[in-house]
């Protein structure tokens, strides 16, 4: 590569990085492993406001999902299985639906019934959680320890009842604050 072409290539890369940095929302923290979960709130299907502060001191699987999401449909049975296995031991499941359809509440309730889900479902039709957590897709999952720190982040569906995830939940639930 000739010298002028090389410098042009470098300059283009610098401009691209600067543009991404400039366009990235400011203030979005706590979206990486080791960070604390940023503050957020959403309304439950039952109409109660739930905030991240309500999760303090708990081991949490937070999933951002939607009824129209195919991988979410595949993942939900394993989330229910993890909840049934560890819910009595203290595992909290928080499923935040980003459905925004005019009938989103009905669709989420129908989804819940279709899959026999018994864990809390929150509604976020304005997609505030996606901006707060700087998510890039659905489902996107965050596992929190009792200090509210993100210990695992997965973009895409996962088997939450797998041997590895069961071992992780067991270890986190054994740990005290």
N, C-alpha and C. Protein backbone atom coordinates (compact mmCIF):
# COMPACT_ATOMS: atom_id res chain seq x y z
N UNK A 1 0.85 -1.17 0.00
CA UNK A 1 0.00 0.00 0.00
C UNK A 1 0.90 1.23 0.00
N UNK A 2 0.59 2.18 -0.86
CA UNK A 2 1.38 3.40 -0.94
C UNK A 2 1.15 4.25 0.30
N UNK A 3 2.13 5.10 0.57
CA UNK A 3 2.10 5.92 1.78
C UNK A 3 0.84 6.78 1.87
N UNK A 4 0.44 7.44 0.79
CA UNK A 4 -0.75 8.30 0.81
C UNK A 4 -2.01 7.47 1.07
N UNK A 5 -2.09 6.31 0.44
CA UNK A 5 -3.25 5.42 0.65
C UNK A 5 -3.28 4.93 2.09
N UNK A 6 -2.09 4.62 2.65
CA UNK A 6 -2.01 4.16 4.03
C UNK A 6 -2.53 5.23 4.99
N UNK A 7 -2.09 6.47 4.82
CA UNK A 7 -2.54 7.55 5.69
C UNK A 7 -4.03 7.83 5.51
N UNK A 8 -4.51 7.68 4.32
CA UNK A 8 -5.95 7.84 4.07
C UNK A 8 -6.73 6.75 4.81
N UNK A 9 -6.21 5.53 4.77
CA UNK A 9 -6.83 4.40 5.48
C UNK A 9 -6.86 4.67 6.99
N UNK A 10 -5.73 5.13 7.54
CA UNK A 10 -5.62 5.43 8.97
C UNK A 10 -6.59 6.56 9.33
N UNK A 11 -6.62 7.61 8.53
CA UNK A 11 -7.50 8.76 8.82
C UNK A 11 -8.96 8.34 8.79
N UNK A 12 -9.33 7.49 7.86
CA UNK A 12 -10.71 7.00 7.79
C UNK A 12 -11.06 6.22 9.05
N UNK A 13 -10.14 5.40 9.52
CA UNK A 13 -10.37 4.63 10.75
C UNK A 13 -10.53 5.53 11.96
N UNK A 14 -9.69 6.57 12.05
CA UNK A 14 -9.77 7.51 13.17
C UNK A 14 -11.10 8.25 13.14
N UNK A 15 -11.53 8.67 11.97
CA UNK A 15 -12.82 9.36 11.84
C UNK A 15 -13.96 8.42 12.23
N UNK A 16 -13.89 7.16 11.81
CA UNK A 16 -14.95 6.20 12.14
C UNK A 16 -15.03 5.98 13.65
N UNK A 17 -13.89 5.80 14.30
CA UNK A 17 -13.87 5.61 15.75
C UNK A 17 -14.41 6.85 16.46
N UNK A 18 -14.01 8.03 16.01
CA UNK A 18 -14.49 9.27 16.63
C UNK A 18 -16.01 9.41 16.44
N UNK A 19 -16.51 9.04 15.27
CA UNK A 19 -17.95 9.13 15.02
C UNK A 19 -18.72 8.19 15.93
N UNK A 20 -18.25 6.96 16.09
CA UNK A 20 -18.91 6.00 16.97
C UNK A 20 -18.89 6.53 18.41
N UNK A 21 -17.75 7.04 18.85
CA UNK A 21 -17.65 7.57 20.21
C UNK A 21 -18.59 8.76 20.40
N UNK A 22 -18.69 9.61 19.41
CA UNK A 22 -19.55 10.79 19.49
C UNK A 22 -21.02 10.40 19.49
N UNK A 23 -21.39 9.38 18.71
CA UNK A 23 -22.78 8.97 18.59
C UNK A 23 -23.24 8.03 19.70
N UNK A 24 -22.30 7.43 20.43
CA UNK A 24 -22.67 6.52 21.51
C UNK A 24 -23.30 7.32 22.64
N UNK A 25 -24.47 6.86 23.13
CA UNK A 25 -25.13 7.59 24.21
C UNK A 25 -24.21 7.74 25.42
N UNK A 26 -24.20 8.94 25.98
CA UNK A 26 -23.37 9.22 27.15
C UNK A 26 -24.10 8.77 28.41
N UNK A 27 -23.36 8.41 29.41
CA UNK A 27 -23.95 8.08 30.69
C UNK A 27 -24.41 6.63 30.81
N UNK A 28 -24.31 5.84 29.77
CA UNK A 28 -24.69 4.43 29.88
C UNK A 28 -23.53 3.67 30.50
N UNK A 29 -23.68 3.38 31.78
CA UNK A 29 -22.66 2.64 32.49
C UNK A 29 -23.28 1.38 33.04
N UNK A 30 -22.43 0.49 33.50
CA UNK A 30 -22.94 -0.72 34.12
C UNK A 30 -23.44 -1.74 33.15
N UNK A 31 -22.94 -1.73 31.94
CA UNK A 31 -23.40 -2.69 30.95
C UNK A 31 -22.36 -3.76 30.64
N UNK A 32 -21.28 -3.74 31.37
CA UNK A 32 -20.23 -4.73 31.17
C UNK A 32 -20.08 -5.59 32.41
N UNK A 33 -19.51 -6.75 32.25
CA UNK A 33 -19.26 -7.65 33.38
C UNK A 33 -18.41 -6.91 34.41
N UNK A 34 -18.83 -7.00 35.66
CA UNK A 34 -18.12 -6.34 36.76
C UNK A 34 -18.75 -5.01 37.16
N UNK A 35 -19.53 -4.42 36.28
CA UNK A 35 -20.20 -3.16 36.60
C UNK A 35 -21.48 -3.41 37.38
N UNK A 36 -21.91 -2.40 38.11
CA UNK A 36 -23.20 -2.48 38.79
C UNK A 36 -24.31 -2.22 37.77
N UNK A 37 -25.45 -2.84 38.01
CA UNK A 37 -26.60 -2.62 37.16
C UNK A 37 -27.04 -1.16 37.27
N UNK A 38 -27.20 -0.47 36.16
CA UNK A 38 -27.68 0.92 36.23
C UNK A 38 -29.12 0.97 36.74
N UNK A 39 -29.50 2.12 37.24
CA UNK A 39 -30.86 2.30 37.73
C UNK A 39 -31.84 2.26 36.56
N UNK A 40 -32.96 1.56 36.79
CA UNK A 40 -34.04 1.53 35.82
C UNK A 40 -35.32 1.21 36.58
N UNK A 41 -36.43 1.45 35.93
CA UNK A 41 -37.72 1.03 36.48
C UNK A 41 -38.65 0.72 35.33
N UNK A 42 -39.62 -0.13 35.62
CA UNK A 42 -40.63 -0.51 34.63
C UNK A 42 -41.86 -0.97 35.41
N UNK A 43 -42.97 -1.08 34.71
CA UNK A 43 -44.22 -1.47 35.33
C UNK A 43 -44.45 -2.96 35.08
N UNK A 44 -44.89 -3.66 36.13
CA UNK A 44 -45.17 -5.09 35.99
C UNK A 44 -46.51 -5.29 35.28
N UNK A 45 -46.75 -6.52 34.85
CA UNK A 45 -48.05 -6.86 34.24
C UNK A 45 -49.20 -6.55 35.19
N UNK A 46 -48.92 -6.60 36.48
CA UNK A 46 -49.95 -6.33 37.48
C UNK A 46 -50.10 -4.84 37.76
N UNK A 47 -49.28 -4.01 37.11
CA UNK A 47 -49.40 -2.56 37.25
C UNK A 47 -48.54 -1.94 38.33
N UNK A 48 -47.65 -2.71 38.95
CA UNK A 48 -46.78 -2.19 40.00
C UNK A 48 -45.45 -1.73 39.42
N UNK A 49 -44.94 -0.61 39.91
CA UNK A 49 -43.63 -0.12 39.48
C UNK A 49 -42.55 -0.94 40.18
N UNK A 50 -41.59 -1.43 39.39
CA UNK A 50 -40.46 -2.20 39.91
C UNK A 50 -39.20 -1.47 39.47
N UNK A 51 -38.27 -1.32 40.39
CA UNK A 51 -37.02 -0.64 40.05
C UNK A 51 -35.84 -1.54 40.34
N UNK A 52 -34.71 -1.14 39.81
CA UNK A 52 -33.48 -1.90 40.06
C UNK A 52 -33.15 -1.91 41.55
N UNK A 53 -33.55 -0.88 42.28
CA UNK A 53 -33.30 -0.84 43.73
C UNK A 53 -34.01 -1.99 44.44
N UNK A 54 -35.14 -2.44 43.88
CA UNK A 54 -35.88 -3.56 44.48
C UNK A 54 -35.11 -4.87 44.39
N UNK A 55 -34.08 -4.91 43.58
CA UNK A 55 -33.32 -6.15 43.36
C UNK A 55 -32.06 -6.23 44.21
N UNK A 56 -31.77 -5.17 44.97
CA UNK A 56 -30.55 -5.14 45.77
C UNK A 56 -30.51 -6.30 46.75
N UNK A 57 -29.36 -6.94 46.84
CA UNK A 57 -29.17 -8.06 47.75
C UNK A 57 -29.65 -9.39 47.19
N UNK A 58 -30.11 -9.40 45.95
CA UNK A 58 -30.65 -10.62 45.34
C UNK A 58 -29.74 -11.10 44.21
N UNK A 59 -29.79 -12.40 43.94
CA UNK A 59 -29.18 -12.96 42.73
C UNK A 59 -30.27 -12.88 41.67
N UNK A 60 -29.94 -12.28 40.52
CA UNK A 60 -30.96 -11.95 39.53
C UNK A 60 -30.54 -12.40 38.13
N UNK A 61 -31.51 -12.95 37.41
CA UNK A 61 -31.38 -13.13 35.97
C UNK A 61 -32.33 -12.12 35.35
N UNK A 62 -31.77 -11.11 34.71
CA UNK A 62 -32.54 -10.07 34.04
C UNK A 62 -32.50 -10.34 32.55
N UNK A 63 -33.67 -10.52 31.96
CA UNK A 63 -33.72 -10.76 30.51
C UNK A 63 -34.53 -9.66 29.84
N UNK A 64 -34.00 -9.12 28.77
CA UNK A 64 -34.69 -8.14 27.94
C UNK A 64 -35.16 -8.93 26.72
N UNK A 65 -36.47 -8.93 26.46
CA UNK A 65 -37.04 -9.82 25.47
C UNK A 65 -38.26 -9.18 24.80
N UNK A 66 -38.84 -9.92 23.83
CA UNK A 66 -40.06 -9.48 23.15
C UNK A 66 -40.84 -10.70 22.68
N UNK A 67 -42.17 -10.57 22.61
CA UNK A 67 -43.01 -11.69 22.21
C UNK A 67 -42.77 -12.11 20.77
N UNK A 68 -42.34 -11.19 19.93
CA UNK A 68 -42.12 -11.46 18.51
C UNK A 68 -40.74 -12.06 18.23
N UNK A 69 -39.94 -12.23 19.25
CA UNK A 69 -38.55 -12.68 19.12
C UNK A 69 -38.49 -14.21 19.17
N UNK A 70 -38.09 -14.84 18.06
CA UNK A 70 -37.98 -16.29 17.99
C UNK A 70 -37.03 -16.87 19.03
N UNK A 71 -35.79 -16.36 19.15
CA UNK A 71 -34.89 -16.89 20.17
C UNK A 71 -35.43 -16.72 21.60
N UNK A 72 -36.22 -15.67 21.84
CA UNK A 72 -36.83 -15.49 23.16
C UNK A 72 -37.79 -16.64 23.45
N UNK A 73 -38.54 -17.04 22.44
CA UNK A 73 -39.49 -18.14 22.60
C UNK A 73 -38.74 -19.44 22.93
N UNK A 74 -37.58 -19.63 22.34
CA UNK A 74 -36.78 -20.82 22.61
C UNK A 74 -36.20 -20.79 24.02
N UNK A 75 -35.84 -19.62 24.49
CA UNK A 75 -35.15 -19.47 25.76
C UNK A 75 -36.08 -19.52 26.98
N UNK A 76 -37.30 -19.03 26.83
CA UNK A 76 -38.19 -18.87 27.99
C UNK A 76 -38.43 -20.16 28.79
N UNK A 77 -38.62 -21.31 28.17
CA UNK A 77 -38.79 -22.52 28.98
C UNK A 77 -37.61 -22.81 29.91
N UNK A 78 -36.39 -22.51 29.46
CA UNK A 78 -35.23 -22.75 30.33
C UNK A 78 -35.17 -21.72 31.46
N UNK A 79 -35.65 -20.51 31.22
CA UNK A 79 -35.71 -19.52 32.29
C UNK A 79 -36.73 -19.97 33.34
N UNK A 80 -37.88 -20.47 32.88
CA UNK A 80 -38.89 -20.98 33.81
C UNK A 80 -38.33 -22.15 34.62
N UNK A 81 -37.59 -23.04 33.95
CA UNK A 81 -37.00 -24.19 34.65
C UNK A 81 -36.00 -23.72 35.71
N UNK A 82 -35.19 -22.72 35.40
CA UNK A 82 -34.24 -22.18 36.38
C UNK A 82 -34.99 -21.55 37.54
N UNK A 83 -36.08 -20.87 37.25
CA UNK A 83 -36.89 -20.24 38.30
C UNK A 83 -37.51 -21.30 39.21
N UNK A 84 -38.02 -22.36 38.61
CA UNK A 84 -38.60 -23.43 39.41
C UNK A 84 -37.54 -24.13 40.27
N UNK A 85 -36.35 -24.27 39.73
CA UNK A 85 -35.27 -24.95 40.44
C UNK A 85 -34.69 -24.09 41.57
N UNK A 86 -34.52 -22.78 41.32
CA UNK A 86 -33.79 -21.92 42.26
C UNK A 86 -34.62 -20.79 42.86
N UNK A 87 -35.85 -20.61 42.43
CA UNK A 87 -36.67 -19.51 42.95
C UNK A 87 -36.84 -19.55 44.46
N UNK A 88 -37.08 -20.72 45.01
CA UNK A 88 -37.24 -20.85 46.46
C UNK A 88 -35.93 -20.61 47.21
N UNK A 89 -34.80 -20.75 46.49
CA UNK A 89 -33.49 -20.50 47.10
C UNK A 89 -33.07 -19.04 47.00
N UNK A 90 -33.87 -18.23 46.28
CA UNK A 90 -33.58 -16.80 46.21
C UNK A 90 -33.28 -16.24 44.84
N UNK A 91 -33.28 -17.06 43.78
CA UNK A 91 -33.03 -16.53 42.45
C UNK A 91 -34.25 -15.71 42.01
N UNK A 92 -33.98 -14.46 41.62
CA UNK A 92 -35.03 -13.59 41.09
C UNK A 92 -34.90 -13.54 39.58
N UNK A 93 -36.02 -13.70 38.91
CA UNK A 93 -36.06 -13.55 37.46
C UNK A 93 -36.81 -12.26 37.17
N UNK A 94 -36.23 -11.43 36.34
CA UNK A 94 -36.89 -10.20 35.91
C UNK A 94 -36.87 -10.20 34.39
N UNK A 95 -38.04 -10.37 33.80
CA UNK A 95 -38.17 -10.40 32.34
C UNK A 95 -38.81 -9.10 31.88
N UNK A 96 -38.04 -8.29 31.16
CA UNK A 96 -38.52 -6.98 30.72
C UNK A 96 -38.88 -7.07 29.24
N UNK A 97 -40.18 -6.99 28.96
CA UNK A 97 -40.66 -7.03 27.58
C UNK A 97 -40.53 -5.64 26.95
N UNK A 98 -39.98 -5.60 25.75
CA UNK A 98 -39.88 -4.33 25.03
C UNK A 98 -40.93 -4.23 23.92
N UNK A 99 -41.95 -5.09 23.99
CA UNK A 99 -43.04 -5.01 23.03
C UNK A 99 -43.66 -3.61 23.07
N UNK A 100 -43.94 -3.05 21.90
CA UNK A 100 -44.47 -1.70 21.84
C UNK A 100 -45.77 -1.62 21.04
N UNK A 101 -46.25 -2.74 20.58
CA UNK A 101 -47.51 -2.82 19.85
C UNK A 101 -48.63 -2.21 20.72
N UNK A 102 -49.66 -1.62 20.12
CA UNK A 102 -50.75 -1.05 20.93
C UNK A 102 -51.37 -2.05 21.92
N UNK A 103 -51.34 -3.34 21.60
CA UNK A 103 -51.88 -4.36 22.49
C UNK A 103 -50.78 -5.12 23.24
N UNK A 104 -49.68 -4.44 23.53
CA UNK A 104 -48.52 -5.12 24.11
C UNK A 104 -48.84 -5.83 25.42
N UNK A 105 -49.65 -5.24 26.26
CA UNK A 105 -49.95 -5.86 27.56
C UNK A 105 -50.67 -7.20 27.35
N UNK A 106 -51.62 -7.23 26.44
CA UNK A 106 -52.36 -8.46 26.14
C UNK A 106 -51.42 -9.50 25.54
N UNK A 107 -50.55 -9.08 24.63
CA UNK A 107 -49.62 -10.02 23.99
C UNK A 107 -48.66 -10.64 25.00
N UNK A 108 -48.18 -9.83 25.93
CA UNK A 108 -47.26 -10.36 26.94
C UNK A 108 -47.99 -11.34 27.85
N UNK A 109 -49.21 -11.02 28.24
CA UNK A 109 -49.99 -11.93 29.09
C UNK A 109 -50.29 -13.23 28.36
N UNK A 110 -50.63 -13.16 27.08
CA UNK A 110 -50.88 -14.37 26.28
C UNK A 110 -49.61 -15.20 26.17
N UNK A 111 -48.47 -14.54 25.97
CA UNK A 111 -47.17 -15.23 25.91
C UNK A 111 -46.90 -15.94 27.24
N UNK A 112 -47.13 -15.23 28.32
CA UNK A 112 -46.92 -15.79 29.66
C UNK A 112 -47.75 -17.06 29.85
N UNK A 113 -49.01 -17.00 29.46
CA UNK A 113 -49.90 -18.15 29.61
C UNK A 113 -49.49 -19.30 28.68
N UNK A 114 -49.14 -18.96 27.44
CA UNK A 114 -48.74 -19.99 26.46
C UNK A 114 -47.57 -20.82 26.98
N UNK A 115 -46.61 -20.17 27.64
CA UNK A 115 -45.42 -20.86 28.11
C UNK A 115 -45.49 -21.25 29.59
N UNK A 116 -46.59 -20.91 30.26
CA UNK A 116 -46.74 -21.26 31.67
C UNK A 116 -45.70 -20.58 32.55
N UNK A 117 -45.41 -19.32 32.26
CA UNK A 117 -44.37 -18.59 32.99
C UNK A 117 -44.93 -18.02 34.28
N UNK A 118 -44.19 -18.19 35.36
CA UNK A 118 -44.67 -17.74 36.66
C UNK A 118 -43.79 -16.67 37.30
N UNK A 119 -42.71 -16.28 36.64
CA UNK A 119 -41.82 -15.25 37.18
C UNK A 119 -42.31 -13.87 36.76
N UNK A 120 -41.85 -12.81 37.45
CA UNK A 120 -42.31 -11.46 37.15
C UNK A 120 -41.98 -11.00 35.73
N UNK A 121 -42.96 -10.34 35.13
CA UNK A 121 -42.79 -9.77 33.79
C UNK A 121 -43.01 -8.27 33.90
N UNK A 122 -42.05 -7.52 33.36
CA UNK A 122 -42.16 -6.08 33.35
C UNK A 122 -42.40 -5.61 31.92
N UNK A 123 -43.04 -4.46 31.79
CA UNK A 123 -43.39 -3.90 30.49
C UNK A 123 -42.61 -2.61 30.26
N UNK A 124 -41.97 -2.52 29.12
CA UNK A 124 -41.19 -1.33 28.78
C UNK A 124 -41.40 -0.98 27.31
N UNK A 125 -42.62 -0.54 26.95
CA UNK A 125 -42.89 -0.24 25.54
C UNK A 125 -42.07 0.93 25.00
N UNK A 126 -41.54 1.78 25.86
CA UNK A 126 -40.72 2.91 25.42
C UNK A 126 -39.26 2.50 25.24
N UNK A 127 -38.93 1.26 25.55
CA UNK A 127 -37.56 0.74 25.39
C UNK A 127 -36.52 1.49 26.21
N UNK A 128 -36.91 1.98 27.36
CA UNK A 128 -35.95 2.67 28.24
C UNK A 128 -34.83 1.73 28.66
N UNK A 129 -35.17 0.48 28.94
CA UNK A 129 -34.17 -0.48 29.42
C UNK A 129 -33.08 -0.72 28.37
N UNK A 130 -33.46 -0.70 27.09
CA UNK A 130 -32.46 -0.94 26.05
C UNK A 130 -31.45 0.20 26.00
N UNK A 131 -31.91 1.42 26.27
CA UNK A 131 -30.99 2.55 26.30
C UNK A 131 -30.16 2.53 27.59
N UNK A 132 -30.79 2.21 28.69
CA UNK A 132 -30.09 2.18 29.98
C UNK A 132 -28.98 1.14 29.97
N UNK A 133 -29.28 -0.05 29.45
CA UNK A 133 -28.29 -1.14 29.44
C UNK A 133 -27.46 -1.17 28.16
N UNK A 134 -27.81 -0.30 27.21
CA UNK A 134 -27.09 -0.25 25.94
C UNK A 134 -27.11 -1.62 25.26
N UNK A 135 -28.30 -2.24 25.23
CA UNK A 135 -28.42 -3.56 24.62
C UNK A 135 -28.33 -3.46 23.11
N UNK A 136 -28.04 -4.60 22.50
CA UNK A 136 -27.91 -4.62 21.04
C UNK A 136 -28.88 -5.59 20.38
N UNK A 137 -29.68 -6.28 21.16
CA UNK A 137 -30.63 -7.22 20.57
C UNK A 137 -31.50 -7.86 21.63
N UNK A 138 -32.34 -8.76 21.18
CA UNK A 138 -33.17 -9.54 22.10
C UNK A 138 -33.05 -11.00 21.70
N UNK A 139 -33.05 -11.90 22.64
CA UNK A 139 -32.95 -11.59 24.06
C UNK A 139 -31.54 -11.14 24.41
N UNK A 140 -31.47 -10.36 25.46
CA UNK A 140 -30.17 -10.01 26.04
C UNK A 140 -30.33 -10.21 27.54
N UNK A 141 -29.38 -10.94 28.12
CA UNK A 141 -29.50 -11.40 29.50
C UNK A 141 -28.33 -10.93 30.35
N UNK A 142 -28.66 -10.60 31.59
CA UNK A 142 -27.68 -10.15 32.56
C UNK A 142 -27.89 -10.94 33.85
N UNK A 143 -26.82 -11.54 34.37
CA UNK A 143 -26.88 -12.21 35.65
C UNK A 143 -26.19 -11.30 36.65
N UNK A 144 -26.87 -11.06 37.79
CA UNK A 144 -26.36 -10.16 38.82
C UNK A 144 -26.08 -10.92 40.09
N UNK A 145 -24.99 -10.56 40.74
CA UNK A 145 -24.73 -11.13 42.05
C UNK A 145 -25.47 -10.30 43.11
N UNK A 146 -25.32 -10.67 44.35
CA UNK A 146 -26.05 -9.99 45.43
C UNK A 146 -25.64 -8.53 45.63
N UNK A 147 -24.50 -8.14 45.09
CA UNK A 147 -24.06 -6.75 45.18
C UNK A 147 -24.56 -5.92 44.00
N UNK A 148 -25.36 -6.56 43.12
CA UNK A 148 -25.88 -5.84 41.96
C UNK A 148 -24.88 -5.73 40.83
N UNK A 149 -23.83 -6.52 40.89
CA UNK A 149 -22.81 -6.49 39.84
C UNK A 149 -23.12 -7.52 38.77
N UNK A 150 -22.87 -7.14 37.54
CA UNK A 150 -23.10 -8.03 36.40
C UNK A 150 -21.97 -9.05 36.38
N UNK A 151 -22.35 -10.33 36.48
CA UNK A 151 -21.35 -11.40 36.44
C UNK A 151 -21.39 -12.17 35.13
N UNK A 152 -22.47 -11.98 34.37
CA UNK A 152 -22.58 -12.65 33.08
C UNK A 152 -23.51 -11.82 32.20
N UNK A 153 -23.14 -11.68 30.94
CA UNK A 153 -23.96 -10.97 29.96
C UNK A 153 -23.97 -11.80 28.68
N UNK A 154 -25.17 -12.10 28.21
CA UNK A 154 -25.29 -12.91 26.99
C UNK A 154 -26.26 -12.23 26.05
N UNK A 155 -25.81 -12.01 24.83
CA UNK A 155 -26.69 -11.54 23.77
C UNK A 155 -27.12 -12.77 23.01
N UNK A 156 -28.43 -13.00 22.95
CA UNK A 156 -28.95 -14.19 22.29
C UNK A 156 -29.46 -15.18 23.32
N UNK A 157 -30.12 -16.19 22.81
CA UNK A 157 -30.74 -17.19 23.69
C UNK A 157 -29.70 -18.07 24.35
N UNK A 158 -30.03 -18.52 25.55
CA UNK A 158 -29.17 -19.43 26.29
C UNK A 158 -30.05 -20.47 26.98
N UNK A 159 -29.46 -21.58 27.32
CA UNK A 159 -30.16 -22.58 28.11
C UNK A 159 -29.85 -22.31 29.57
N UNK A 160 -30.76 -21.65 30.28
CA UNK A 160 -30.53 -21.24 31.65
C UNK A 160 -30.67 -22.39 32.63
N UNK A 161 -31.09 -23.55 32.14
CA UNK A 161 -31.17 -24.74 32.99
C UNK A 161 -30.05 -25.72 32.65
N UNK A 162 -29.04 -25.25 31.94
CA UNK A 162 -27.91 -26.12 31.61
C UNK A 162 -27.08 -26.39 32.87
N UNK A 163 -26.25 -27.41 32.80
CA UNK A 163 -25.40 -27.77 33.94
C UNK A 163 -24.51 -26.60 34.35
N UNK A 164 -23.91 -25.91 33.38
CA UNK A 164 -23.02 -24.78 33.69
C UNK A 164 -23.78 -23.64 34.35
N UNK A 165 -24.96 -23.31 33.83
CA UNK A 165 -25.73 -22.22 34.43
C UNK A 165 -26.29 -22.61 35.80
N UNK A 166 -26.66 -23.87 35.97
CA UNK A 166 -27.12 -24.32 37.30
C UNK A 166 -25.99 -24.16 38.32
N UNK A 167 -24.77 -24.56 37.93
CA UNK A 167 -23.62 -24.43 38.83
C UNK A 167 -23.36 -22.96 39.16
N UNK A 168 -23.49 -22.09 38.18
CA UNK A 168 -23.29 -20.66 38.42
C UNK A 168 -24.32 -20.13 39.42
N UNK A 169 -25.61 -20.46 39.20
CA UNK A 169 -26.65 -19.99 40.12
C UNK A 169 -26.42 -20.55 41.53
N UNK A 170 -26.07 -21.82 41.63
CA UNK A 170 -25.80 -22.42 42.96
C UNK A 170 -24.69 -21.66 43.68
N UNK A 171 -23.61 -21.37 42.96
CA UNK A 171 -22.50 -20.65 43.58
C UNK A 171 -22.92 -19.25 43.99
N UNK A 172 -23.62 -18.52 43.13
CA UNK A 172 -24.03 -17.16 43.46
C UNK A 172 -25.00 -17.15 44.64
N UNK A 173 -25.89 -18.12 44.69
CA UNK A 173 -26.86 -18.17 45.78
C UNK A 173 -26.21 -18.52 47.12
N UNK A 174 -25.10 -19.24 47.09
CA UNK A 174 -24.37 -19.58 48.33
C UNK A 174 -23.63 -18.38 48.90
N UNK A 175 -23.26 -17.45 48.01
CA UNK A 175 -22.48 -16.29 48.46
C UNK A 175 -23.38 -15.32 49.23
N UNK A 176 -22.83 -14.78 50.29
CA UNK A 176 -23.58 -13.77 51.04
C UNK A 176 -23.20 -12.39 50.51
N UNK A 177 -23.92 -11.41 50.97
CA UNK A 177 -23.64 -10.04 50.53
C UNK A 177 -22.28 -9.69 50.94
